[in-house]
N, C-alpha and C. Protein backbone atom coordinates (compact mmCIF):
# COMPACT_ATOMS: atom_id res chain seq x y z
N UNK A 1 -39.45 3.52 -7.05
CA UNK A 1 -38.60 4.39 -7.66
C UNK A 1 -37.27 4.67 -6.76
N UNK A 2 -36.29 4.55 -6.86
CA UNK A 2 -35.39 5.04 -5.85
C UNK A 2 -34.35 5.43 -6.44
N UNK A 3 -33.69 6.23 -5.89
CA UNK A 3 -32.32 7.30 -6.31
C UNK A 3 -31.34 7.12 -5.74
N UNK A 4 -29.89 7.05 -6.25
CA UNK A 4 -28.58 6.68 -5.59
C UNK A 4 -27.88 8.11 -5.42
N UNK A 5 -27.03 8.04 -4.40
CA UNK A 5 -26.53 9.29 -4.19
C UNK A 5 -26.47 10.51 -4.38
N UNK A 6 -27.66 10.79 -3.69
CA UNK A 6 -28.75 11.71 -3.60
C UNK A 6 -28.01 12.86 -2.92
N UNK A 7 -28.35 14.04 -2.59
CA UNK A 7 -28.43 14.96 -1.94
C UNK A 7 -30.13 15.27 -1.72
N UNK A 8 -30.24 15.10 0.00
CA UNK A 8 -31.76 15.48 -0.16
C UNK A 8 -32.04 16.79 1.07
N UNK A 9 -32.75 17.66 0.62
CA UNK A 9 -32.68 18.76 1.64
C UNK A 9 -33.90 18.58 2.72
N UNK A 10 -33.38 18.60 3.91
CA UNK A 10 -34.16 17.63 5.09
C UNK A 10 -35.45 18.58 5.11
N UNK A 11 -35.25 19.84 5.05
CA UNK A 11 -36.12 21.09 4.95
C UNK A 11 -37.24 20.91 4.14
N UNK A 12 -38.55 20.74 4.40
CA UNK A 12 -39.83 20.65 3.63
C UNK A 12 -40.33 22.11 2.89
N UNK A 13 -40.48 21.76 1.92
CA UNK A 13 -41.56 22.86 1.12
C UNK A 13 -42.97 22.66 1.11
N UNK A 14 -43.44 23.35 2.15
CA UNK A 14 -44.81 23.27 2.46
C UNK A 14 -45.71 24.66 1.65
N UNK A 15 -46.50 23.89 1.28
CA UNK A 15 -47.97 24.85 0.50
C UNK A 15 -49.25 24.75 1.24
N UNK A 16 -49.71 25.72 0.81
CA UNK A 16 -51.19 25.76 1.31
C UNK A 16 -51.44 25.05 2.51
N UNK A 17 -50.78 25.55 3.58
CA UNK A 17 -51.06 25.20 4.59
C UNK A 17 -50.88 23.90 5.14
N UNK A 18 -50.12 23.15 4.20
CA UNK A 18 -49.61 21.72 4.59
C UNK A 18 -50.29 20.82 3.73
N UNK A 19 -51.21 21.44 2.99
CA UNK A 19 -52.01 20.45 2.15
C UNK A 19 -51.04 19.81 0.97
N UNK A 20 -49.87 20.37 0.56
CA UNK A 20 -48.53 19.85 -0.41
C UNK A 20 -47.78 20.54 0.34
N UNK A 21 -46.54 19.01 0.12
CA UNK A 21 -45.44 19.15 0.86
C UNK A 21 -44.28 18.08 0.08
N UNK A 22 -43.04 19.17 0.14
CA UNK A 22 -42.21 18.05 -0.86
C UNK A 22 -40.81 18.43 -0.39
N UNK A 23 -40.11 17.67 -0.72
CA UNK A 23 -38.56 17.63 -0.41
C UNK A 23 -37.80 17.47 -1.69
N UNK A 24 -36.56 18.42 -1.68
CA UNK A 24 -36.10 18.65 -2.92
C UNK A 24 -35.05 17.67 -3.09
N UNK A 25 -34.74 16.92 -4.14
CA UNK A 25 -33.40 16.00 -4.45
C UNK A 25 -32.56 16.26 -5.18
N UNK A 26 -31.25 16.71 -5.08
CA UNK A 26 -29.84 17.08 -6.19
C UNK A 26 -29.28 15.56 -6.44
N UNK A 27 -29.66 15.79 -7.92
CA UNK A 27 -28.88 14.27 -8.48
C UNK A 27 -27.51 14.61 -8.73
N UNK A 28 -26.74 13.53 -8.66
CA UNK A 28 -25.07 13.86 -8.96
C UNK A 28 -24.91 14.68 -10.25
N UNK A 29 -25.73 14.25 -11.20
CA UNK A 29 -25.34 15.26 -12.59
C UNK A 29 -25.93 16.81 -12.32
N UNK A 30 -26.62 16.88 -11.06
CA UNK A 30 -27.23 18.49 -10.76
C UNK A 30 -28.28 19.09 -11.27
N UNK A 31 -28.93 17.62 -11.44
CA UNK A 31 -30.78 17.62 -11.78
C UNK A 31 -31.17 18.01 -10.40
N UNK A 32 -32.19 18.49 -10.71
CA UNK A 32 -33.02 18.53 -9.54
C UNK A 32 -34.49 18.04 -9.54
N UNK A 33 -34.74 17.66 -8.34
CA UNK A 33 -36.31 16.62 -8.34
C UNK A 33 -36.94 17.38 -7.21
N UNK A 34 -38.42 17.11 -6.99
CA UNK A 34 -38.77 17.28 -5.80
C UNK A 34 -39.94 15.98 -5.58
N UNK A 35 -40.09 15.36 -4.48
CA UNK A 35 -40.70 14.17 -4.04
C UNK A 35 -42.02 14.73 -3.03
N UNK A 36 -42.77 14.66 -3.60
CA UNK A 36 -43.88 15.24 -2.59
C UNK A 36 -44.89 14.52 -2.47
N UNK A 37 -46.01 15.19 -1.61
CA UNK A 37 -47.45 14.61 -1.42
C UNK A 37 -48.73 15.77 -1.42
N UNK A 38 -49.49 15.46 -2.05
CA UNK A 38 -50.84 16.59 -2.28
C UNK A 38 -52.26 15.90 -1.57
N UNK A 39 -52.60 16.69 -0.56
CA UNK A 39 -53.61 16.35 0.14
C UNK A 39 -55.04 16.54 -0.78
N UNK A 40 -56.27 16.33 -0.75
CA UNK A 40 -57.54 16.90 -1.03
C UNK A 40 -57.45 18.14 -0.91
N UNK A 41 -57.82 18.70 -2.55
CA UNK A 41 -58.21 20.03 -2.54
C UNK A 41 -57.74 20.51 -3.89
N UNK A 42 -57.87 21.64 -4.27
CA UNK A 42 -57.62 22.28 -5.49
C UNK A 42 -56.81 23.40 -5.42
N UNK A 43 -55.33 23.29 -6.21
CA UNK A 43 -54.25 24.18 -5.86
C UNK A 43 -53.91 24.69 -7.23
N UNK A 44 -53.61 25.90 -7.16
CA UNK A 44 -52.48 26.46 -8.36
C UNK A 44 -51.31 26.83 -8.07
N UNK A 45 -50.12 26.08 -9.45
CA UNK A 45 -48.93 26.49 -9.26
C UNK A 45 -48.27 26.97 -10.48
N UNK A 46 -47.68 27.96 -9.91
CA UNK A 46 -46.59 28.97 -11.33
C UNK A 46 -45.81 27.98 -11.64
N UNK A 47 -44.95 28.16 -12.50
CA UNK A 47 -43.80 27.64 -13.09
C UNK A 47 -42.90 28.68 -13.46
N UNK A 48 -41.41 28.40 -13.24
CA UNK A 48 -40.49 29.06 -14.05
C UNK A 48 -39.73 28.12 -14.80
N UNK A 49 -39.21 27.01 -14.42
CA UNK A 49 -38.98 26.13 -15.54
C UNK A 49 -39.95 24.98 -15.95
N UNK A 50 -39.71 24.37 -17.12
CA UNK A 50 -40.41 23.04 -17.52
C UNK A 50 -40.54 22.34 -16.27
N UNK A 51 -41.60 21.48 -16.04
CA UNK A 51 -41.64 20.43 -15.11
C UNK A 51 -42.26 19.14 -15.86
N UNK A 52 -41.74 18.21 -15.59
CA UNK A 52 -42.67 16.67 -15.68
C UNK A 52 -43.29 16.04 -14.39
N UNK A 53 -44.27 16.22 -14.03
CA UNK A 53 -44.83 15.52 -13.35
C UNK A 53 -45.10 14.10 -13.16
N UNK A 54 -44.57 13.20 -12.33
CA UNK A 54 -44.89 11.51 -12.35
C UNK A 54 -46.05 11.34 -11.63
N UNK A 55 -46.67 10.78 -11.62
CA UNK A 55 -47.56 10.27 -10.39
C UNK A 55 -46.86 8.84 -9.86
N UNK A 56 -46.54 8.80 -8.51
CA UNK A 56 -46.40 7.49 -8.14
C UNK A 56 -47.30 6.88 -7.44
N UNK A 57 -48.70 7.80 -6.70
CA UNK A 57 -49.54 6.85 -5.76
C UNK A 57 -50.51 7.74 -6.25
N UNK A 58 -51.94 7.29 -5.93
CA UNK A 58 -53.35 8.18 -6.05
C UNK A 58 -53.68 8.31 -7.32
N UNK A 59 -54.94 9.80 -7.25
CA UNK A 59 -55.32 10.21 -8.54
C UNK A 59 -55.17 11.55 -8.01
N UNK A 60 -55.25 12.28 -9.55
CA UNK A 60 -55.51 13.87 -9.61
C UNK A 60 -56.39 14.23 -11.02
N UNK A 61 -56.82 15.34 -11.41
CA UNK A 61 -56.77 16.04 -12.18
C UNK A 61 -56.25 17.34 -12.48
N UNK A 62 -55.88 17.79 -13.85
CA UNK A 62 -54.90 18.50 -14.24
C UNK A 62 -55.59 19.52 -15.22
N UNK A 63 -55.61 21.45 -14.99
CA UNK A 63 -55.44 21.94 -16.04
C UNK A 63 -54.43 22.86 -16.42
N UNK A 64 -53.64 22.41 -17.67
CA UNK A 64 -52.57 23.36 -17.75
C UNK A 64 -52.87 24.93 -17.99
N UNK A 65 -52.29 25.94 -17.74
CA UNK A 65 -52.37 27.19 -18.13
C UNK A 65 -53.15 27.42 -19.62
N UNK A 66 -53.69 28.37 -19.66
CA UNK A 66 -54.29 28.59 -21.15
C UNK A 66 -55.36 27.25 -21.79
N UNK A 67 -55.90 26.25 -20.93
CA UNK A 67 -56.76 25.23 -21.22
C UNK A 67 -57.84 25.62 -19.97
N UNK A 68 -58.89 24.78 -21.06
CA UNK A 68 -60.34 25.05 -20.41
C UNK A 68 -60.39 23.74 -19.95
N UNK A 69 -59.76 22.58 -20.34
CA UNK A 69 -60.54 20.98 -19.68
C UNK A 69 -59.32 20.77 -18.92
N UNK A 70 -59.47 19.94 -17.97
CA UNK A 70 -59.37 19.11 -17.15
C UNK A 70 -58.79 17.94 -17.50
N UNK A 71 -57.80 17.11 -17.08
CA UNK A 71 -57.22 15.87 -17.79
C UNK A 71 -57.08 14.76 -16.34
N UNK A 72 -57.56 13.81 -16.26
CA UNK A 72 -57.52 13.11 -15.13
C UNK A 72 -56.29 12.03 -15.40
N UNK A 73 -55.56 11.95 -14.40
CA UNK A 73 -54.15 11.00 -13.95
C UNK A 73 -54.12 10.36 -13.19
N UNK A 74 -53.23 9.17 -12.65
CA UNK A 74 -53.48 8.44 -12.16
C UNK A 74 -52.02 7.60 -11.70
N UNK A 75 -51.48 7.03 -10.86
CA UNK A 75 -50.11 6.44 -10.91
C UNK A 75 -49.71 5.58 -11.79
N UNK A 76 -48.14 5.89 -12.07
CA UNK A 76 -48.11 5.60 -13.29
C UNK A 76 -47.61 6.27 -14.44
N UNK A 77 -48.77 7.31 -14.49
CA UNK A 77 -48.86 8.68 -15.64
C UNK A 77 -48.11 9.58 -15.06
N UNK A 78 -47.54 10.76 -16.13
CA UNK A 78 -47.16 11.47 -16.05
C UNK A 78 -47.76 12.72 -17.11
N UNK A 79 -47.41 14.20 -16.83
CA UNK A 79 -47.82 15.09 -17.40
C UNK A 79 -46.67 16.50 -17.62
N UNK A 80 -46.48 17.24 -18.47
CA UNK A 80 -45.41 18.03 -18.49
C UNK A 80 -46.15 19.34 -18.49
N UNK A 81 -45.64 20.54 -17.75
CA UNK A 81 -45.97 21.64 -17.89
C UNK A 81 -44.77 22.80 -18.01
N UNK A 82 -45.08 23.54 -19.35
CA UNK A 82 -44.28 24.60 -19.91
C UNK A 82 -43.67 25.49 -19.08
N UNK A 83 -42.26 25.97 -19.63
CA UNK A 83 -41.43 26.93 -18.24
C UNK A 83 -42.34 28.09 -18.11
N UNK A 84 -42.30 29.40 -17.37
CA UNK A 84 -43.39 30.19 -17.04
C UNK A 84 -44.52 30.33 -17.51
N UNK A 85 -45.29 29.24 -16.59
CA UNK A 85 -46.55 28.89 -17.05
C UNK A 85 -47.00 28.41 -15.87
N UNK A 86 -48.11 27.66 -15.75
CA UNK A 86 -48.86 26.69 -14.60
C UNK A 86 -49.65 26.08 -14.89
N UNK A 87 -50.29 25.54 -13.76
CA UNK A 87 -51.39 24.35 -13.82
C UNK A 87 -52.37 24.59 -12.55
N UNK A 88 -53.40 24.04 -12.32
CA UNK A 88 -54.20 23.67 -11.47
C UNK A 88 -54.40 22.35 -11.29
N UNK A 89 -54.16 22.00 -9.98
CA UNK A 89 -53.99 20.21 -9.72
C UNK A 89 -55.26 20.44 -8.74
N UNK A 90 -55.81 19.23 -8.93
CA UNK A 90 -56.95 18.91 -7.70
C UNK A 90 -57.12 17.23 -7.22
N UNK A 91 -56.84 17.34 -6.12
CA UNK A 91 -57.06 15.79 -5.66
C UNK A 91 -58.39 15.75 -4.95
N UNK A 92 -58.98 15.11 -5.36
CA UNK A 92 -60.61 14.83 -4.90
C UNK A 92 -60.30 13.65 -3.35
N UNK A 93 -59.88 12.70 -3.30
CA UNK A 93 -59.64 11.64 -2.36
C UNK A 93 -58.27 11.32 -1.99
N UNK A 94 -58.66 10.88 -0.96
CA UNK A 94 -56.97 10.32 -0.58
C UNK A 94 -55.75 11.19 -0.69
N UNK A 95 -54.71 10.54 -0.91
CA UNK A 95 -53.41 11.40 -1.04
C UNK A 95 -52.68 11.04 -2.75
N UNK A 96 -52.16 12.18 -3.15
CA UNK A 96 -51.99 12.19 -4.71
C UNK A 96 -49.95 12.27 -4.33
N UNK A 97 -49.27 11.25 -4.56
CA UNK A 97 -47.44 11.05 -4.28
C UNK A 97 -47.00 11.66 -5.92
N UNK A 98 -45.78 12.32 -5.95
CA UNK A 98 -45.39 12.49 -7.34
C UNK A 98 -44.10 12.79 -7.08
N UNK A 99 -43.30 12.64 -8.37
CA UNK A 99 -41.78 13.27 -8.59
C UNK A 99 -41.86 14.54 -9.65
N UNK A 100 -41.37 15.29 -8.89
CA UNK A 100 -41.53 16.45 -10.15
C UNK A 100 -40.09 16.70 -10.42
N UNK A 101 -39.65 16.73 -12.13
CA UNK A 101 -38.55 17.16 -12.46
C UNK A 101 -38.41 18.08 -13.02
N UNK A 102 -37.44 18.82 -12.92
CA UNK A 102 -37.40 20.51 -13.55
C UNK A 102 -36.47 19.90 -14.65
N UNK A 103 -36.94 20.07 -15.87
CA UNK A 103 -36.45 20.06 -17.32
C UNK A 103 -35.57 21.37 -17.52
N UNK A 104 -34.66 21.02 -18.28
CA UNK A 104 -33.85 22.09 -18.86
C UNK A 104 -34.32 22.89 -20.25
């Protein structure tokens, strides 16, 4: 996937001692995305805006806030997280690469 005519924030968003790293991308229409990597581990993220997480490489499992079940995702798949919510994400091996789109 490629994005044209965008603004990229060079300063990385670093979480969990560098085990999750992303960069913010601003599209010409004002939309905001982050492109990132998740290294092995289990992490919790809270959300303010609704999000769509698209996996571009690797695999993970996700448990949305309020759920007791984990769902498996691989490259080419996506999941959505409601606003004012959160999710747990686990990467068992390798690196999971993603594009996070912040939804209006």
